[in-house]
Amino acid sequence: MKLILTQEVSGLGDPGDIVEVKDGYGRNYLLPRGLAIGWTKGGEKQVTQIKRARKSREIRNLDHAKEVKAEIEALTVAVPAKAGESGKLFGSVTNADIMTAIKAAGGPLVEKRNVRIASPIKKTGKHKVSVDLHPDVVANVTIEVVTD
């Protein structure tokens, strides 16, 4: 069975990869969980466009990763969140919130799965997070959670 992966599957591939799997594995595991879709020529064209766009966004090499690290670490990133009077948040700050705040502060678009939060952020104030840019380069960013 030929499928197009929509999410990363350990030992099989990354999103957008076209894989050949046994019928049962595809029909009973990948398709019901939304990890893959059926392969078609139109779907393959769409996947190549998505991969081309992703490749233009990704970090090209170690030197580029170091440039992006310097750019991100120089930013002051404010993350707006709803909070009570004591500064305790209603919920917590997520990777996606941080990714959006970095982009809004004028930084590059980073993947939300590359944002690492040491412990859940549930209070306003300054917090440290890290962003994996390259296997050898990690940018440490100080974010400030503010009430909106």
Protein backbone atom coordinates (compact mmCIF):
# COMPACT_ATOMS: atom_id res chain seq x y z
CA MET A 1 0.00 0.00 0.00
CA LYS A 2 1.40 3.39 -0.99
CA LEU A 3 0.78 6.25 1.48
CA ILE A 4 1.83 9.85 2.08
CA LEU A 5 2.84 10.53 5.70
CA THR A 6 1.19 13.53 7.34
CA GLN A 7 3.18 13.30 10.59
CA GLU A 8 6.55 11.92 11.63
CA VAL A 9 6.39 8.16 12.18
CA SER A 10 9.31 6.65 14.04
CA GLY A 11 11.24 4.23 11.84
CA LEU A 12 9.18 5.06 8.77
CA GLY A 13 9.63 8.69 7.75
CA ASP A 14 8.85 12.37 8.07
CA PRO A 15 5.77 14.33 6.99
CA GLY A 16 5.46 14.40 3.22
CA ASP A 17 7.38 11.18 2.63
CA ILE A 18 5.82 8.68 0.27
CA VAL A 19 6.15 5.22 1.77
CA GLU A 20 5.23 1.69 0.79
CA VAL A 21 3.82 -0.29 3.75
CA LYS A 22 1.95 -3.54 4.24
CA ASP A 23 -1.81 -3.24 3.73
CA GLY A 24 -2.74 -4.09 7.35
CA TYR A 25 -0.30 -1.60 8.87
CA GLY A 26 -1.58 1.18 6.66
CA ARG A 27 -5.27 0.35 6.94
CA ASN A 28 -5.35 -0.50 10.68
CA TYR A 29 -2.75 1.86 12.16
CA LEU A 30 -1.57 4.75 9.96
CA LEU A 31 -4.84 5.80 8.30
CA PRO A 32 -7.17 5.68 11.36
CA ARG A 33 -4.73 7.69 13.49
CA GLY A 34 -4.32 10.35 10.80
CA LEU A 35 -0.60 9.65 10.40
CA ALA A 36 -0.96 9.13 6.65
CA ILE A 37 -3.27 9.66 3.70
CA GLY A 38 -3.72 7.59 0.58
CA TRP A 39 -1.30 8.26 -2.26
CA THR A 40 -2.51 10.00 -5.43
CA LYS A 41 -0.68 11.90 -8.17
CA GLY A 42 -2.32 15.16 -7.08
CA GLY A 43 -1.35 14.46 -3.48
CA GLU A 44 2.23 13.83 -4.53
CA LYS A 45 2.38 17.21 -6.32
CA GLN A 46 1.03 18.93 -3.23
CA VAL A 47 3.63 17.17 -1.07
CA THR A 48 6.48 18.34 -3.29
CA GLN A 49 5.25 21.94 -2.94
CA ILE A 50 5.05 21.59 0.84
CA LYS A 51 8.56 20.10 0.99
CA ARG A 52 9.93 22.90 -1.19
CA ALA A 53 8.40 25.52 1.13
CA ARG A 54 9.73 23.73 4.23
CA LYS A 55 13.20 23.47 2.73
CA SER A 56 13.30 27.24 2.13
CA ARG A 57 12.47 27.83 5.82
CA GLU A 58 14.85 25.32 7.36
CA ILE A 59 18.34 25.97 8.60
CA ARG A 60 20.79 25.34 5.77
CA ASN A 61 24.05 24.65 7.63
CA LEU A 62 25.95 25.23 10.87
CA ASP A 63 26.97 28.80 9.98
CA HIS A 64 23.39 29.75 9.13
CA ALA A 65 22.22 28.18 12.41
CA LYS A 66 24.71 30.34 14.33
CA GLU A 67 23.44 33.48 12.56
CA VAL A 68 19.83 32.59 13.39
CA LYS A 69 20.86 31.87 17.01
CA ALA A 70 22.38 35.35 17.37
CA GLU A 71 19.26 36.88 15.80
CA ILE A 72 16.87 35.03 18.14
CA GLU A 73 18.89 35.65 21.30
CA ALA A 74 18.98 39.41 20.58
CA LEU A 75 15.16 39.61 20.59
CA THR A 76 12.95 40.66 23.47
CA VAL A 77 10.04 38.25 23.23
CA ALA A 78 6.76 39.08 24.96
CA VAL A 79 4.14 36.35 25.18
CA PRO A 80 0.63 37.64 25.95
CA ALA A 81 -1.51 35.39 28.13
CA LYS A 82 -4.61 35.64 30.29
CA ALA A 83 -3.78 35.79 33.98
CA GLY A 84 -5.42 36.48 37.30
CA GLU A 85 -4.52 39.36 39.62
CA SER A 86 -1.83 37.31 41.38
CA GLY A 87 -0.02 36.65 38.08
CA LYS A 88 -1.09 33.03 37.79
CA LEU A 89 -2.04 32.11 34.22
CA PHE A 90 -5.34 30.57 33.15
CA GLY A 91 -3.68 27.56 31.54
CA SER A 92 -0.04 27.61 30.49
CA VAL A 93 2.21 28.94 27.74
CA THR A 94 2.67 26.42 24.92
CA ASN A 95 5.38 25.86 22.31
CA ALA A 96 3.04 27.32 19.67
CA ASP A 97 2.56 30.50 21.76
CA ILE A 98 6.33 30.95 22.00
CA MET A 99 6.81 30.25 18.28
CA THR A 100 4.18 32.89 17.41
CA ALA A 101 5.72 35.41 19.83
CA ILE A 102 9.21 34.94 18.33
CA LYS A 103 7.79 35.57 14.86
CA ALA A 104 5.83 38.60 16.10
CA ALA A 105 8.99 40.05 17.69
CA GLY A 106 10.65 40.05 14.27
CA GLY A 107 12.48 36.76 14.55
CA PRO A 108 12.61 33.90 12.06
CA LEU A 109 9.88 31.29 11.83
CA VAL A 110 10.87 28.33 14.00
CA GLU A 111 9.16 24.97 14.21
CA LYS A 112 7.10 24.58 17.37
CA ARG A 113 8.51 21.11 17.94
CA ASN A 114 11.99 22.67 18.22
CA VAL A 115 10.97 24.89 21.15
CA ARG A 116 11.94 23.30 24.48
CA ILE A 117 10.34 24.40 27.75
CA ALA A 118 12.08 23.08 30.89
CA SER A 119 8.96 23.20 33.06
CA PRO A 120 5.42 24.36 32.33
CA ILE A 121 5.10 28.15 32.34
CA LYS A 122 2.14 29.05 34.56
CA LYS A 123 3.10 32.49 35.93
CA THR A 124 3.74 35.90 34.42
CA GLY A 125 7.31 37.17 34.36
CA LYS A 126 10.56 36.19 32.68
CA HIS A 127 11.29 32.57 31.74
CA LYS A 128 14.08 30.78 29.87
CA VAL A 129 13.30 28.54 26.90
CA SER A 130 15.57 26.95 24.33
CA VAL A 131 15.12 26.55 20.59
CA ASP A 132 16.89 23.70 18.77
CA LEU A 133 18.11 25.17 15.48
CA HIS A 134 20.63 22.52 14.46
CA PRO A 135 21.97 19.37 16.15
CA ASP A 136 24.96 21.43 17.36
CA VAL A 137 23.25 24.83 17.92
CA VAL A 138 20.69 25.68 20.60
CA ALA A 139 19.43 29.23 21.10
CA ASN A 140 18.49 30.23 24.66
CA VAL A 141 15.73 32.80 24.68
CA THR A 142 14.33 34.80 27.57
CA ILE A 143 10.63 35.32 27.17
CA GLU A 144 8.44 37.59 29.23
CA VAL A 145 4.91 36.43 29.86
CA VAL A 146 2.64 39.49 30.11
CA THR A 147 -1.08 39.80 30.73
CA ASP A 148 -3.17 40.77 27.75
